């Protein structure tokens, strides 16, 4: 059961991390309904610092998933 949980957890971390890493640099990031209604939010999301911070969180998430997979030990 622990192995199944680990596989699901690692895949989830890598998927969400990849999503967070690439999404801020895609056109979808600024061209959506949520940002269209709030121009101040759009201005904040256009900042390279914010995009870089969210991409950094994505890399950390991928790193956590891979680290969990590498350091997994089976306990009797």
N, C-alpha and C. Protein backbone atom coordinates (compact mmCIF):
# COMPACT_ATOMS: atom_id res chain seq x y z
N UNK A 1 0.82 -1.19 0.00
CA UNK A 1 0.00 0.00 0.00
C UNK A 1 0.87 1.26 0.00
N UNK A 2 1.99 1.20 0.72
CA UNK A 2 2.88 2.36 0.77
C UNK A 2 3.50 2.64 -0.60
N UNK A 3 3.79 1.59 -1.35
CA UNK A 3 4.35 1.78 -2.69
C UNK A 3 3.37 2.46 -3.63
N UNK A 4 2.12 2.05 -3.55
CA UNK A 4 1.10 2.66 -4.40
C UNK A 4 0.95 4.13 -4.06
N UNK A 5 0.91 4.43 -2.76
CA UNK A 5 0.82 5.82 -2.33
C UNK A 5 2.03 6.61 -2.82
N UNK A 6 3.21 6.02 -2.72
CA UNK A 6 4.43 6.70 -3.17
C UNK A 6 4.38 7.00 -4.66
N UNK A 7 3.96 6.03 -5.46
CA UNK A 7 3.88 6.23 -6.91
C UNK A 7 2.89 7.34 -7.24
N UNK A 8 1.73 7.32 -6.59
CA UNK A 8 0.74 8.36 -6.83
C UNK A 8 1.27 9.71 -6.39
N UNK A 9 1.92 9.77 -5.24
CA UNK A 9 2.46 11.02 -4.72
C UNK A 9 3.55 11.59 -5.64
N UNK A 10 4.44 10.73 -6.09
CA UNK A 10 5.53 11.18 -6.97
C UNK A 10 4.98 11.67 -8.31
N UNK A 11 4.05 10.95 -8.89
CA UNK A 11 3.45 11.39 -10.15
C UNK A 11 2.69 12.70 -9.98
N UNK A 12 1.99 12.84 -8.85
CA UNK A 12 1.26 14.08 -8.58
C UNK A 12 2.24 15.25 -8.45
N UNK A 13 3.32 15.06 -7.70
CA UNK A 13 4.30 16.13 -7.53
C UNK A 13 4.94 16.54 -8.85
N UNK A 14 5.30 15.57 -9.66
CA UNK A 14 5.94 15.88 -10.93
C UNK A 14 4.96 16.56 -11.88
N UNK A 15 3.72 16.10 -11.89
CA UNK A 15 2.73 16.70 -12.78
C UNK A 15 2.42 18.14 -12.37
N UNK A 16 2.14 18.37 -11.11
CA UNK A 16 1.84 19.72 -10.63
C UNK A 16 3.07 20.62 -10.77
N UNK A 17 4.24 20.08 -10.50
CA UNK A 17 5.47 20.87 -10.64
C UNK A 17 5.72 21.29 -12.09
N UNK A 18 5.52 20.38 -13.01
CA UNK A 18 5.67 20.72 -14.42
C UNK A 18 4.66 21.75 -14.87
N UNK A 19 3.44 21.60 -14.38
CA UNK A 19 2.38 22.56 -14.68
C UNK A 19 2.76 23.95 -14.16
N UNK A 20 3.22 24.03 -12.90
CA UNK A 20 3.60 25.32 -12.33
C UNK A 20 4.85 25.89 -12.99
N UNK A 21 5.72 25.04 -13.48
CA UNK A 21 6.95 25.51 -14.11
C UNK A 21 6.67 26.16 -15.47
N UNK A 22 5.78 25.56 -16.26
CA UNK A 22 5.55 26.05 -17.62
C UNK A 22 4.40 27.04 -17.76
N UNK A 23 3.38 26.94 -16.92
CA UNK A 23 2.19 27.76 -17.08
C UNK A 23 2.45 29.26 -17.09
N UNK A 24 3.28 29.82 -16.21
CA UNK A 24 3.46 31.28 -16.23
C UNK A 24 4.04 31.84 -17.53
N UNK A 25 4.63 31.01 -18.34
CA UNK A 25 5.26 31.49 -19.57
C UNK A 25 4.40 31.22 -20.80
N UNK A 26 3.23 30.65 -20.62
CA UNK A 26 2.31 30.40 -21.73
C UNK A 26 1.34 31.57 -21.88
N UNK A 27 0.79 31.78 -23.08
CA UNK A 27 -0.19 32.86 -23.28
C UNK A 27 -1.44 32.70 -22.42
N UNK A 28 -1.79 31.49 -22.05
CA UNK A 28 -2.95 31.24 -21.22
C UNK A 28 -2.84 31.94 -19.86
N UNK A 29 -1.63 32.18 -19.41
CA UNK A 29 -1.39 32.80 -18.10
C UNK A 29 -2.08 34.16 -17.99
N UNK A 30 -2.08 34.96 -19.05
CA UNK A 30 -2.67 36.30 -19.01
C UNK A 30 -3.95 36.42 -19.81
N UNK A 31 -4.25 35.45 -20.64
CA UNK A 31 -5.45 35.51 -21.48
C UNK A 31 -6.51 34.54 -20.97
N UNK A 32 -7.07 34.85 -19.82
CA UNK A 32 -8.16 34.02 -19.29
C UNK A 32 -9.20 34.92 -18.63
N UNK A 33 -10.34 34.37 -18.32
CA UNK A 33 -11.45 35.15 -17.80
C UNK A 33 -11.19 35.77 -16.44
N UNK A 34 -10.47 35.07 -15.58
CA UNK A 34 -10.20 35.60 -14.25
C UNK A 34 -9.37 36.87 -14.30
N UNK A 35 -8.34 36.88 -15.10
CA UNK A 35 -7.46 38.03 -15.20
C UNK A 35 -8.12 39.17 -15.97
N UNK A 36 -9.01 38.86 -16.87
CA UNK A 36 -9.68 39.89 -17.67
C UNK A 36 -10.56 40.80 -16.80
N UNK A 37 -11.08 40.28 -15.72
CA UNK A 37 -11.96 41.07 -14.86
C UNK A 37 -11.21 41.90 -13.82
N UNK A 38 -9.97 41.56 -13.54
CA UNK A 38 -9.18 42.28 -12.53
C UNK A 38 -7.87 42.77 -13.14
N UNK A 39 -7.82 44.01 -13.62
CA UNK A 39 -6.61 44.52 -14.26
C UNK A 39 -5.41 44.61 -13.31
N UNK A 40 -5.66 44.84 -12.03
CA UNK A 40 -4.55 44.91 -11.07
C UNK A 40 -3.88 43.55 -10.94
N UNK A 41 -4.67 42.49 -10.90
CA UNK A 41 -4.12 41.14 -10.84
C UNK A 41 -3.32 40.84 -12.10
N UNK A 42 -3.82 41.29 -13.24
CA UNK A 42 -3.09 41.07 -14.50
C UNK A 42 -1.73 41.75 -14.46
N UNK A 43 -1.69 42.97 -13.92
CA UNK A 43 -0.42 43.69 -13.83
C UNK A 43 0.57 42.94 -12.94
N UNK A 44 0.09 42.40 -11.83
CA UNK A 44 0.97 41.65 -10.93
C UNK A 44 1.46 40.37 -11.59
N UNK A 45 0.57 39.67 -12.28
CA UNK A 45 0.95 38.41 -12.92
C UNK A 45 1.87 38.61 -14.12
N UNK A 46 1.93 39.82 -14.67
CA UNK A 46 2.84 40.11 -15.78
C UNK A 46 4.28 40.28 -15.31
N UNK A 47 4.49 40.53 -14.03
CA UNK A 47 5.83 40.76 -13.52
C UNK A 47 6.68 39.50 -13.65
N UNK A 48 7.90 39.68 -14.13
CA UNK A 48 8.80 38.54 -14.30
C UNK A 48 9.13 37.89 -12.96
N UNK A 49 9.17 38.69 -11.89
CA UNK A 49 9.45 38.12 -10.57
C UNK A 49 8.38 37.13 -10.16
N UNK A 50 7.13 37.46 -10.38
CA UNK A 50 6.03 36.58 -10.01
C UNK A 50 6.07 35.32 -10.86
N UNK A 51 6.29 35.48 -12.14
CA UNK A 51 6.39 34.31 -13.02
C UNK A 51 7.54 33.41 -12.61
N UNK A 52 8.68 34.02 -12.30
CA UNK A 52 9.84 33.24 -11.87
C UNK A 52 9.61 32.55 -10.53
N UNK A 53 8.93 33.23 -9.61
CA UNK A 53 8.65 32.62 -8.31
C UNK A 53 7.74 31.41 -8.46
N UNK A 54 6.73 31.50 -9.30
CA UNK A 54 5.82 30.37 -9.49
C UNK A 54 6.53 29.23 -10.22
N UNK A 55 7.38 29.57 -11.18
CA UNK A 55 8.18 28.53 -11.84
C UNK A 55 9.13 27.87 -10.85
N UNK A 56 9.69 28.65 -9.95
CA UNK A 56 10.57 28.10 -8.92
C UNK A 56 9.82 27.15 -7.99
N UNK A 57 8.59 27.48 -7.64
CA UNK A 57 7.78 26.57 -6.84
C UNK A 57 7.54 25.26 -7.58
N UNK A 58 7.36 25.37 -8.90
CA UNK A 58 7.19 24.16 -9.70
C UNK A 58 8.43 23.28 -9.68
N UNK A 59 9.60 23.90 -9.78
CA UNK A 59 10.84 23.13 -9.72
C UNK A 59 11.03 22.47 -8.35
N UNK A 60 10.69 23.19 -7.30
CA UNK A 60 10.78 22.62 -5.96
C UNK A 60 9.83 21.43 -5.83
N UNK A 61 8.65 21.54 -6.39
CA UNK A 61 7.69 20.45 -6.32
C UNK A 61 8.19 19.22 -7.07
N UNK A 62 8.78 19.41 -8.23
CA UNK A 62 9.36 18.29 -8.98
C UNK A 62 10.50 17.67 -8.18
N UNK A 63 11.32 18.50 -7.57
CA UNK A 63 12.45 18.03 -6.78
C UNK A 63 11.97 17.21 -5.58
N UNK A 64 10.91 17.65 -4.92
CA UNK A 64 10.36 16.91 -3.78
C UNK A 64 9.87 15.53 -4.22
N UNK A 65 9.18 15.48 -5.34
CA UNK A 65 8.70 14.19 -5.84
C UNK A 65 9.82 13.23 -6.17
N UNK A 66 10.83 13.72 -6.86
CA UNK A 66 11.97 12.86 -7.22
C UNK A 66 12.74 12.45 -5.98
N UNK A 67 12.91 13.36 -5.04
CA UNK A 67 13.61 13.06 -3.80
C UNK A 67 12.89 11.99 -3.00
N UNK A 68 11.58 12.07 -2.94
CA UNK A 68 10.81 11.04 -2.24
C UNK A 68 11.00 9.68 -2.91
N UNK A 69 11.03 9.66 -4.22
CA UNK A 69 11.21 8.38 -4.93
C UNK A 69 12.60 7.81 -4.69
N UNK A 70 13.60 8.66 -4.67
CA UNK A 70 14.98 8.19 -4.49
C UNK A 70 15.21 7.69 -3.07
N UNK A 71 14.66 8.40 -2.09
CA UNK A 71 14.94 8.07 -0.69
C UNK A 71 13.92 7.10 -0.08
N UNK A 72 13.11 6.49 -0.88
CA UNK A 72 12.13 5.53 -0.36
C UNK A 72 12.83 4.27 0.11
N UNK A 73 12.50 3.85 1.32
CA UNK A 73 13.04 2.62 1.87
C UNK A 73 11.88 1.75 2.35
N UNK A 74 11.96 0.49 2.05
CA UNK A 74 10.95 -0.46 2.47
C UNK A 74 11.28 -0.92 3.89
N UNK A 75 10.34 -0.71 4.81
CA UNK A 75 10.54 -1.13 6.19
C UNK A 75 9.80 -2.45 6.44
N UNK A 76 10.46 -3.39 7.09
CA UNK A 76 9.78 -4.67 7.34
C UNK A 76 8.67 -4.58 8.37
